Amino acid sequence: MIVSIVFFIIISFASGIILTVAGKVLEVKIDDRVERLNECLPGINCGACGYSGCERYAVAVIAGEAEPNQCKPGGEECVEKISKVLGVEVKAAEPDVAFVHCSGSCSVKYDYRGTVSCRASELYYNGMEECRFGCAGLGDCVYVCPEEAIVIKDNLAVVIPSKCNACGLCVKACPKKIITIQKARQSVHVMCGSKDIGKITKAACKSGCLGCRICEKKCPKEAIIVRDNCAVINGELCDNCTLCVSVCPTKCIAVKKECEAG
């Protein structure tokens, strides 16, 4: 009995030594800059940088797999902190902003009185709007915005650019998929996100995109194209000349100011 106990004690002791040695040999060295860099980030894990979370992005930056200026919510302040951690000058990326592609002028099919949620309203005959791509105005995007940069005005979600940090959480929250992230310098916008053919869109909304391609033909920079029956502006090419605005027959392309609806 004593021999068995001594034997098990020796085996346990030897196993502990082996595990300790193995832990030291196989230990993965973690760059302390990862933790320091992670502390510089806002911690909202929005995924706007292209990674699943702030820590994963920090690891990618240290590994040289990601540019150090891709944290949109962090802005210039975040870039300055990252510069100090990396010991190199990092230039802030061109600012982006969220935009809601709807003018709020589509008619409604019925008076919705259910749960105050855009996603919930979609369960009732694809929403209360005649246009299935029209903004429900029930605020799913408002609830997820960490900066209070979205407001509901006249039953339409409207972004306040000066507050928006382009985190993209509203893009994920919108069941209609009519919110996109675009260049902050862009002042010409397509106030429609309908992918229906022109005839259907026209029947549901007085200012919806008909997919007529007049804007596409008039743009000198080839910055606007019709994709899936709706005009889309390439922010990298657009110089805000407003030619597309002047020729749009339904006026769904417009110059919009901060927090301006409809």
Protein backbone atom coordinates (compact mmCIF):
# COMPACT_ATOMS: atom_id res chain seq x y z
CA MET A 1 0.00 0.00 0.00
CA ILE A 2 2.79 2.40 0.94
CA VAL A 3 4.74 1.41 -2.15
CA SER A 4 1.74 2.26 -4.35
CA ILE A 5 1.31 5.66 -2.71
CA VAL A 6 5.02 6.48 -3.10
CA PHE A 7 4.86 5.34 -6.73
CA PHE A 8 1.94 7.64 -7.52
CA ILE A 9 3.66 10.56 -5.74
CA ILE A 10 6.78 10.06 -7.86
CA ILE A 11 4.73 9.81 -11.05
CA SER A 12 2.78 13.00 -10.18
CA PHE A 13 5.99 14.87 -9.34
CA ALA A 14 7.64 13.76 -12.59
CA SER A 15 4.54 14.70 -14.60
CA GLY A 16 4.54 18.16 -13.03
CA ILE A 17 8.19 18.68 -13.97
CA ILE A 18 7.57 17.51 -17.55
CA LEU A 19 4.53 19.80 -17.96
CA THR A 20 6.44 22.78 -16.56
CA VAL A 21 9.38 22.22 -18.90
CA ALA A 22 7.04 21.67 -21.86
CA GLY A 23 5.18 24.88 -21.02
CA LYS A 24 8.41 26.85 -21.09
CA VAL A 25 9.65 25.24 -24.30
CA LEU A 26 6.34 25.55 -26.16
CA GLU A 27 5.43 28.97 -24.76
CA VAL A 28 4.18 31.36 -27.44
CA LYS A 29 5.83 34.72 -27.05
CA ILE A 30 3.24 37.51 -27.23
CA ASP A 31 4.45 40.93 -28.29
CA ASP A 32 3.60 43.30 -25.44
CA ARG A 33 2.73 45.91 -28.05
CA VAL A 34 -0.44 43.96 -28.88
CA GLU A 35 -1.88 44.69 -25.45
CA ARG A 36 -0.72 48.30 -25.57
CA LEU A 37 -2.20 48.72 -29.04
CA ASN A 38 -5.47 47.12 -27.96
CA GLU A 39 -5.72 49.71 -25.19
CA CYS A 40 -5.53 52.46 -27.83
CA LEU A 41 -8.60 51.11 -29.64
CA PRO A 42 -12.20 52.03 -28.68
CA GLY A 43 -13.15 48.46 -27.78
CA ILE A 44 -16.56 48.39 -29.47
CA ASN A 45 -15.56 45.45 -31.70
CA CYS A 46 -17.57 46.82 -34.62
CA GLY A 47 -15.56 45.07 -37.34
CA ALA A 48 -15.18 48.23 -39.46
CA CYS A 49 -11.45 47.54 -39.74
CA GLY A 50 -12.16 44.20 -41.39
CA TYR A 51 -11.40 42.09 -38.32
CA SER A 52 -13.71 40.41 -35.82
CA GLY A 53 -12.68 42.61 -32.92
CA CYS A 54 -10.23 45.20 -31.62
CA GLU A 55 -7.79 42.65 -30.19
CA ARG A 56 -7.69 40.67 -33.43
CA TYR A 57 -7.02 43.91 -35.31
CA ALA A 58 -4.21 44.80 -32.88
CA VAL A 59 -2.60 41.40 -33.50
CA ALA A 60 -2.88 41.91 -37.27
CA VAL A 61 -1.29 45.37 -37.10
CA ILE A 62 1.69 44.12 -35.08
CA ALA A 63 2.07 41.19 -37.48
CA GLY A 64 2.12 43.60 -40.42
CA GLU A 65 -1.08 42.13 -41.85
CA ALA A 66 -3.19 45.30 -41.46
CA GLU A 67 -2.67 49.02 -41.87
CA PRO A 68 -2.51 50.87 -38.52
CA ASN A 69 -5.02 53.54 -39.58
CA GLN A 70 -8.06 51.38 -40.25
CA CYS A 71 -9.91 51.97 -36.97
CA LYS A 72 -12.65 54.31 -38.17
CA PRO A 73 -14.38 54.83 -34.80
CA GLY A 74 -11.06 55.72 -33.17
CA GLY A 75 -10.38 58.60 -35.55
CA GLU A 76 -7.32 60.81 -35.36
CA GLU A 77 -6.95 60.42 -31.60
CA CYS A 78 -6.62 56.67 -32.00
CA VAL A 79 -4.09 57.10 -34.81
CA GLU A 80 -1.92 59.32 -32.62
CA LYS A 81 -1.87 56.72 -29.83
CA ILE A 82 -1.05 53.94 -32.29
CA SER A 83 1.81 56.03 -33.69
CA LYS A 84 3.36 56.24 -30.21
CA VAL A 85 3.05 52.49 -29.63
CA LEU A 86 4.57 51.60 -33.01
CA GLY A 87 7.15 54.35 -32.89
CA VAL A 88 6.36 55.46 -36.44
CA GLU A 89 4.25 58.20 -37.98
CA VAL A 90 0.80 56.96 -38.96
CA LYS A 91 -1.41 59.11 -41.14
CA ALA A 92 -5.15 59.08 -40.48
CA ALA A 93 -7.27 57.54 -43.22
CA GLU A 94 -9.81 59.66 -45.09
CA PRO A 95 -12.93 59.84 -42.89
CA ASP A 96 -16.05 57.88 -43.80
CA VAL A 97 -19.65 58.32 -42.73
CA ALA A 98 -22.86 56.29 -42.80
CA PHE A 99 -25.70 57.25 -45.11
CA VAL A 100 -29.33 56.11 -45.37
CA HIS A 101 -30.41 55.58 -48.98
CA CYS A 102 -34.06 56.55 -48.70
CA SER A 103 -35.98 59.80 -49.08
CA GLY A 104 -38.82 58.65 -46.86
CA SER A 105 -41.41 59.43 -49.52
CA CYS A 106 -42.74 55.96 -50.24
CA SER A 107 -46.37 55.24 -49.33
CA VAL A 108 -47.41 52.75 -46.64
CA LYS A 109 -49.58 49.64 -46.93
CA TYR A 110 -50.99 49.56 -43.43
CA ASP A 111 -50.77 51.07 -39.94
CA TYR A 112 -48.19 49.01 -38.09
CA ARG A 113 -48.75 48.76 -34.32
CA GLY A 114 -46.49 45.88 -33.38
CA THR A 115 -43.09 45.80 -31.67
CA VAL A 116 -41.18 49.02 -32.28
CA SER A 117 -38.46 47.43 -34.39
CA CYS A 118 -37.66 47.57 -38.08
CA ARG A 119 -36.73 43.90 -38.06
CA ALA A 120 -39.96 42.94 -36.30
CA SER A 121 -42.07 44.96 -38.74
CA GLU A 122 -40.49 43.04 -41.63
CA LEU A 123 -42.27 39.90 -40.40
CA TYR A 124 -45.63 41.46 -41.36
CA TYR A 125 -45.94 41.24 -45.15
CA ASN A 126 -42.36 42.45 -45.75
CA GLY A 127 -42.92 45.68 -43.83
CA MET A 128 -45.51 48.44 -43.83
CA GLU A 129 -43.96 50.37 -46.74
CA GLU A 130 -45.13 49.89 -50.32
CA CYS A 131 -41.44 49.90 -51.27
CA ARG A 132 -39.86 46.83 -49.71
CA PHE A 133 -36.56 48.74 -49.54
CA GLY A 134 -38.03 51.82 -47.85
CA CYS A 135 -36.85 52.90 -44.40
CA ALA A 136 -39.25 51.67 -41.70
CA GLY A 137 -38.18 54.47 -39.38
CA LEU A 138 -38.52 52.36 -36.23
CA GLY A 139 -34.96 52.93 -35.07
CA ASP A 140 -33.01 49.66 -35.09
CA CYS A 141 -30.04 51.68 -36.34
CA VAL A 142 -30.59 54.32 -33.65
CA TYR A 143 -30.46 51.73 -30.85
CA VAL A 144 -27.09 50.29 -31.92
CA CYS A 145 -25.31 53.59 -32.64
CA PRO A 146 -22.71 54.23 -29.88
CA GLU A 147 -22.37 57.91 -30.81
CA GLU A 148 -26.08 58.84 -31.04
CA ALA A 149 -25.33 59.84 -34.62
CA ILE A 150 -28.66 58.66 -36.06
CA VAL A 151 -32.04 60.23 -35.42
CA ILE A 152 -35.55 59.49 -36.67
CA LYS A 153 -36.95 62.51 -38.49
CA ASP A 154 -40.35 62.34 -40.17
CA ASN A 155 -40.29 58.52 -39.87
CA LEU A 156 -36.93 58.35 -41.61
CA ALA A 157 -33.53 57.44 -40.18
CA VAL A 158 -31.08 60.28 -40.77
CA VAL A 159 -27.35 60.30 -40.02
CA ILE A 160 -25.64 63.27 -38.36
CA PRO A 161 -22.21 63.22 -40.09
CA SER A 162 -20.44 65.30 -37.42
CA LYS A 163 -21.21 62.58 -34.85
CA CYS A 164 -20.84 59.48 -37.02
CA ASN A 165 -17.62 57.49 -36.67
CA ALA A 166 -18.41 55.05 -39.49
CA CYS A 167 -18.33 52.01 -37.19
CA GLY A 168 -20.85 50.26 -39.44
CA LEU A 169 -23.05 48.89 -36.65
CA CYS A 170 -26.08 50.58 -38.21
CA VAL A 171 -25.30 48.90 -41.53
CA LYS A 172 -25.54 45.49 -39.85
CA ALA A 173 -28.68 46.44 -37.91
CA CYS A 174 -30.72 47.66 -40.90
CA PRO A 175 -32.94 44.81 -42.21
CA LYS A 176 -33.55 46.70 -45.47
CA LYS A 177 -29.79 46.98 -46.18
CA ILE A 178 -30.16 50.62 -47.23
CA ILE A 179 -27.41 52.06 -45.01
CA THR A 180 -23.89 52.19 -46.42
CA ILE A 181 -20.53 53.60 -45.40
CA GLN A 182 -19.17 56.22 -47.81
CA LYS A 183 -16.61 59.02 -47.99
CA ALA A 184 -17.38 61.93 -45.68
CA ARG A 185 -16.44 64.40 -48.42
CA GLN A 186 -19.22 63.07 -50.64
CA SER A 187 -22.13 65.51 -50.74
CA VAL A 188 -24.07 64.07 -53.68
CA HIS A 189 -26.21 61.10 -52.65
CA VAL A 190 -28.66 58.64 -54.15
CA MET A 191 -31.71 58.85 -51.90
CA CYS A 192 -32.95 55.41 -52.86
CA GLY A 193 -31.93 51.82 -52.28
CA SER A 194 -34.64 50.03 -54.23
CA LYS A 195 -33.56 47.07 -56.31
CA ASP A 196 -36.96 46.66 -57.94
CA ILE A 197 -37.44 47.49 -61.61
CA GLY A 198 -38.43 51.08 -62.41
CA LYS A 199 -42.13 50.33 -62.90
CA ILE A 200 -42.48 48.78 -59.45
CA THR A 201 -40.39 51.45 -57.75
CA LYS A 202 -42.39 54.26 -59.38
CA ALA A 203 -45.68 52.74 -58.21
CA ALA A 204 -44.44 52.68 -54.60
CA CYS A 205 -42.46 55.90 -54.37
CA LYS A 206 -42.60 59.28 -56.10
CA SER A 207 -38.85 59.84 -55.78
CA GLY A 208 -37.39 56.36 -56.23
CA CYS A 209 -34.63 55.47 -58.68
CA LEU A 210 -36.01 54.18 -61.98
CA GLY A 211 -32.70 52.79 -63.20
CA CYS A 212 -32.99 54.93 -66.33
CA ARG A 213 -29.19 55.41 -66.57
CA ILE A 214 -29.44 59.10 -67.52
CA CYS A 215 -27.13 59.97 -64.63
CA GLU A 216 -24.72 57.26 -65.68
CA LYS A 217 -24.48 58.67 -69.21
CA LYS A 218 -24.05 62.27 -68.03
CA CYS A 219 -21.33 61.73 -65.41
CA PRO A 220 -17.96 62.92 -66.81
CA LYS A 221 -16.05 60.89 -64.22
CA GLU A 222 -17.97 57.64 -64.70
CA ALA A 223 -18.55 57.82 -60.96
CA ILE A 224 -22.17 56.70 -61.02
CA ILE A 225 -23.52 53.45 -62.39
CA VAL A 226 -26.83 51.63 -62.24
CA ARG A 227 -26.48 48.37 -60.39
CA ASP A 228 -29.43 46.11 -59.54
CA ASN A 229 -31.84 48.73 -60.96
CA CYS A 230 -30.52 51.51 -58.72
CA ALA A 231 -27.91 54.23 -59.20
CA VAL A 232 -24.77 53.84 -57.08
CA ILE A 233 -22.06 56.49 -56.63
CA ASN A 234 -18.39 55.57 -56.45
CA GLY A 235 -17.02 57.92 -53.79
CA GLU A 236 -13.46 57.44 -55.00
CA LEU A 237 -14.34 58.94 -58.40
CA CYS A 238 -17.12 61.41 -57.58
CA ASP A 239 -16.08 65.08 -57.44
CA ASN A 240 -19.55 66.33 -56.40
CA CYS A 241 -20.08 68.15 -59.70
CA THR A 242 -23.89 67.65 -59.32
CA LEU A 243 -24.51 66.96 -63.05
CA CYS A 244 -26.33 63.77 -62.05
CA VAL A 245 -28.49 65.80 -59.68
CA SER A 246 -29.63 68.13 -62.47
CA VAL A 247 -30.64 65.34 -64.87
CA CYS A 248 -32.33 62.88 -62.48
CA PRO A 249 -36.03 62.75 -63.51
CA THR A 250 -37.31 61.74 -60.06
CA LYS A 251 -34.83 63.88 -58.08
CA CYS A 252 -33.70 60.84 -56.11
CA ILE A 253 -30.12 62.08 -56.52
CA ALA A 254 -29.58 65.13 -54.36
CA VAL A 255 -27.11 67.21 -52.38
CA LYS A 256 -27.87 66.67 -48.71
CA LYS A 257 -26.63 68.55 -45.69
CA GLU A 258 -26.15 67.33 -42.13
CA CYS A 259 -29.29 65.78 -40.59
CA GLU A 260 -31.43 66.79 -43.55
CA ALA A 261 -34.25 64.42 -44.42
CA GLY A 262 -36.43 64.02 -47.46
